[in-house]
Protein backbone atom coordinates (compact mmCIF):
# COMPACT_ATOMS: atom_id res chain seq x y z
CA MET A 1 -15.12 -17.86 -4.32
CA PRO A 2 -13.20 -15.00 -2.70
CA PRO A 3 -9.78 -14.48 -4.26
CA HIS A 4 -8.09 -14.93 -0.89
CA ALA A 5 -9.15 -18.57 -0.75
CA ASP A 6 -6.63 -19.68 -3.38
CA ALA A 7 -3.87 -17.20 -2.64
CA PRO A 8 -0.48 -18.85 -3.22
CA ALA A 9 1.90 -18.77 -0.26
CA LEU A 10 5.10 -17.27 -1.62
CA VAL A 11 8.62 -16.98 -0.24
CA LEU A 12 10.53 -14.18 -1.95
CA ALA A 13 14.27 -13.65 -1.63
CA GLY A 14 14.76 -10.52 -3.75
CA PRO A 15 13.29 -7.10 -4.40
CA ILE A 16 9.56 -6.52 -4.45
CA ALA A 17 7.52 -3.86 -6.21
CA GLN A 18 4.34 -2.35 -4.82
CA PHE A 19 1.68 -0.46 -6.74
CA ASN A 20 -1.08 1.21 -4.79
CA ILE A 21 -4.03 3.29 -5.98
CA ALA A 22 -6.56 5.36 -4.09
CA ARG A 23 -9.32 7.86 -4.75
CA MET A 24 -9.39 10.94 -2.57
CA ARG A 25 -12.68 11.83 -0.94
CA TRP A 26 -12.25 15.47 -1.90
CA PRO A 27 -10.02 17.46 -4.30
CA ARG A 28 -6.39 17.75 -3.25
CA GLU A 29 -6.76 21.43 -2.35
CA ASP A 30 -9.77 20.83 -0.07
CA ARG A 31 -8.85 21.54 3.55
CA ARG A 32 -10.27 18.15 4.56
CA MET A 33 -7.39 16.51 2.68
CA SER A 34 -4.75 18.64 4.41
CA GLY A 35 -3.90 16.04 7.06
CA PHE A 36 -2.65 13.82 4.27
CA VAL A 37 -1.52 16.28 1.58
CA ASP A 38 0.54 18.39 3.98
CA ASN A 39 2.53 15.30 4.99
CA ILE A 40 3.29 13.79 1.56
CA ASP A 41 6.85 15.14 1.43
CA ARG A 42 7.44 13.93 4.96
CA LEU A 43 6.32 10.41 4.10
CA ASN A 44 8.37 10.31 0.91
CA LEU A 45 11.49 11.37 2.77
CA LEU A 46 10.80 8.81 5.47
CA ALA A 47 10.50 6.09 2.84
CA GLU A 48 13.68 7.08 1.05
CA ARG A 49 15.61 6.96 4.32
CA SER A 50 14.09 3.65 5.41
CA PRO A 51 16.16 0.44 5.39
CA GLY A 52 15.52 -1.57 2.26
CA PHE A 53 14.14 1.25 0.10
CA LEU A 54 15.41 1.01 -3.50
CA TRP A 55 13.35 3.25 -5.78
CA ARG A 56 10.05 5.03 -6.33
CA GLU A 57 8.43 6.50 -9.42
CA THR A 58 8.59 10.28 -9.30
CA ALA A 59 7.15 11.01 -12.73
CA THR A 60 3.38 11.42 -12.85
CA PRO A 61 1.94 9.95 -16.05
CA GLU A 62 -1.84 10.15 -16.14
CA LEU A 63 -3.10 6.66 -15.44
CA PHE A 64 -6.70 7.69 -14.78
CA PRO A 65 -7.63 10.31 -17.39
CA GLY A 66 -10.35 12.68 -16.31
CA ASP A 67 -10.33 11.71 -12.63
CA ARG A 68 -8.16 14.20 -10.73
CA ARG A 69 -8.99 12.58 -7.40
CA MET A 70 -7.28 9.30 -8.29
CA THR A 71 -3.77 8.95 -6.93
CA TRP A 72 -1.19 6.18 -7.08
CA THR A 73 2.26 5.18 -5.94
CA LEU A 74 4.87 2.77 -7.30
CA SER A 75 7.99 1.78 -5.38
CA VAL A 76 10.54 -1.02 -5.03
CA TRP A 77 11.99 -2.47 -1.83
CA GLU A 78 14.79 -4.94 -1.11
CA SER A 79 12.35 -7.42 0.42
CA PRO A 80 8.74 -7.82 1.56
CA ASP A 81 9.96 -7.40 5.15
CA ALA A 82 11.48 -4.02 4.32
CA LEU A 83 8.22 -2.82 2.76
CA ALA A 84 6.15 -4.17 5.65
CA ASP A 85 8.43 -2.58 8.23
CA PHE A 86 8.06 0.83 6.59
CA THR A 87 4.31 0.48 6.14
CA PHE A 88 3.39 -0.84 9.57
CA ARG A 89 6.29 -0.15 11.93
CA THR A 90 7.22 3.48 11.30
CA VAL A 91 5.27 6.70 11.75
CA HIS A 92 3.70 5.87 8.36
CA ALA A 93 1.47 3.47 10.30
CA ARG A 94 -0.39 6.44 11.78
CA PHE A 95 -1.36 7.66 8.31
CA HIS A 96 -2.21 4.11 7.25
CA ALA A 97 -4.59 3.78 10.19
CA ARG A 98 -6.37 7.03 9.24
CA ARG A 99 -6.65 6.28 5.50
CA ARG A 100 -10.45 6.10 5.51
CA GLU A 101 -10.58 9.75 6.57
CA TRP A 102 -9.06 10.75 3.22
CA PHE A 103 -9.75 7.96 0.74
CA GLU A 104 -12.83 6.20 -0.56
CA GLU A 105 -13.41 2.46 -0.32
CA LEU A 106 -12.83 1.13 -3.83
CA GLY A 107 -14.53 -2.21 -3.25
CA GLU A 108 -11.84 -4.21 -5.05
CA ALA A 109 -8.10 -4.74 -5.03
CA PHE A 110 -6.16 -1.49 -4.74
CA MET A 111 -2.62 -2.82 -4.28
CA ALA A 112 -0.43 -5.26 -6.17
CA LEU A 113 2.92 -6.74 -5.18
CA TRP A 114 5.28 -8.70 -7.42
CA PRO A 115 8.99 -9.66 -7.54
CA VAL A 116 11.39 -7.64 -9.67
CA HIS A 117 15.06 -7.77 -10.63
CA TYR A 118 17.58 -5.21 -9.43
CA GLU A 119 17.69 -2.09 -11.61
CA GLN A 120 14.80 -3.34 -13.74
CA TRP A 121 12.20 -1.08 -12.21
CA PRO A 122 8.58 -1.36 -13.41
CA ALA A 123 6.77 1.22 -15.51
CA PRO A 124 3.45 2.67 -14.26
CA LEU A 125 1.45 1.11 -17.12
CA GLU A 126 2.90 -2.31 -16.32
CA ALA A 127 1.96 -1.81 -12.68
CA LEU A 128 -1.60 -0.89 -13.60
CA GLU A 129 -1.85 -3.98 -15.80
CA ARG A 130 -0.73 -6.17 -12.92
CA LEU A 131 -3.34 -4.67 -10.62
CA GLU A 132 -6.05 -5.20 -13.24
CA ARG A 133 -4.97 -8.81 -13.66
CA LEU A 134 -5.06 -9.29 -9.89
CA ARG A 135 -8.63 -8.02 -9.93
CA ARG A 136 -9.59 -10.42 -12.74
CA GLU A 137 -7.78 -13.58 -11.63
CA GLY A 138 -7.09 -13.19 -7.94
CA PRO A 139 -3.58 -13.49 -6.45
CA THR A 140 -0.96 -15.32 -8.54
CA GLU A 141 2.80 -15.04 -8.86
CA HIS A 142 2.16 -12.29 -11.41
CA ALA A 143 0.49 -10.04 -8.82
CA PHE A 144 -0.60 -10.63 -5.24
CA GLY A 145 -1.21 -8.96 -1.87
CA TRP A 146 -0.08 -9.51 1.69
CA GLU A 147 -2.23 -12.65 1.88
CA SER A 148 0.40 -14.44 -0.24
CA LEU A 149 3.24 -13.54 2.13
CA PRO A 150 2.34 -15.17 5.45
CA ALA A 151 5.95 -14.98 6.64
CA VAL A 152 5.78 -11.17 6.84
CA ARG A 153 2.40 -10.90 8.57
CA ARG A 154 4.07 -10.43 11.93
CA ALA A 155 5.21 -6.99 10.71
CA ARG A 156 1.59 -6.01 10.10
CA LYS A 157 1.02 -5.37 13.79
CA VAL A 158 1.67 -1.71 14.39
CA SER A 159 4.73 -1.11 16.53
CA PRO A 160 3.85 0.23 20.00
CA GLU A 161 6.67 2.76 19.57
CA VAL A 162 4.84 4.49 16.71
CA ALA A 163 1.37 4.29 18.24
CA LEU A 164 1.98 7.44 20.30
CA VAL A 165 3.69 9.63 17.72
CA GLY A 166 2.95 11.02 14.29
CA THR A 167 -0.18 12.70 13.07
CA GLY A 168 -2.23 13.04 16.23
CA GLY A 169 -5.68 11.62 16.77
CA THR A 170 -6.38 8.36 18.52
CA PRO A 171 -3.59 5.80 19.02
CA VAL A 172 -3.39 2.89 16.62
CA GLU A 173 -4.60 -0.36 18.06
CA PRO A 174 -2.14 -3.25 17.50
CA GLU A 175 -4.84 -5.55 16.15
CA ALA A 176 -6.27 -3.04 13.68
CA GLU A 177 -4.62 -4.55 10.63
CA GLU A 178 -5.77 -8.10 11.40
CA GLU A 179 -9.32 -6.79 11.73
CA ALA A 180 -9.03 -4.95 8.42
CA GLU A 181 -7.72 -8.10 6.76
CA ALA A 182 -10.65 -10.13 8.10
CA ARG A 183 -13.10 -7.57 6.69
CA ALA A 184 -11.34 -7.73 3.33
CA ARG A 185 -11.66 -11.51 3.21
CA SER A 186 -15.36 -11.34 4.00
CA THR A 187 -15.95 -9.03 1.03
CA GLY A 188 -13.77 -11.02 -1.35
CA ARG A 189 -11.25 -8.26 -1.86
CA SER A 190 -7.63 -8.93 -2.69
CA GLY A 191 -4.52 -6.94 -1.96
CA SER A 192 -5.98 -5.73 1.31
CA GLY A 193 -2.65 -4.96 2.93
CA GLY A 194 -1.72 -2.05 0.71
CA ALA A 195 -4.41 0.31 1.80
CA PRO A 196 -4.97 3.76 0.31
CA GLY A 197 -2.48 6.14 1.81
CA ASP A 198 0.63 3.96 1.47
CA LEU A 199 3.54 6.15 0.36
CA HIS A 200 1.50 8.25 -2.03
CA VAL A 201 3.87 10.42 -4.02
CA HIS A 202 1.41 13.16 -5.00
């Protein structure tokens, strides 16, 4: 049974952590990665100035020894709405829409969300454990994806205001995220909302 089928519908009132992993198609220094790599600082600054941003991990412990193409990000936001607004309703949405140009399909969950307490920010190893548990058990209160937060799905439609600015290329279609979510359900993947390319810090 696909993990989405039993996803709990959660209503969260406090801060939320997000952990997102991705594997680059080519080494970081390859020119084909430049559209993403050259904009990392820009995206980080955008996140830090966004309403609801609380914290992001800036240290870089090695979570995937021996695989230099793996990358990850860990951040905390005041609410799921704040995270969704940054991801899908700022210029970040343009990079999100182009993620398959730079990152491989992992074939399983690549993002985990979970509630946290103020000032008790998660460690990278804890975040990785939560993602691994999400992969084993499907979405629970311990770790889940956008499918468990139906109240914020409205923010997953890309804002028309950002569809014409940003990184160039073709405009983002407003329904693109719903289509991506449907594909994720059909393959039994969880955590489909946090696609590779979300606020990567390195």
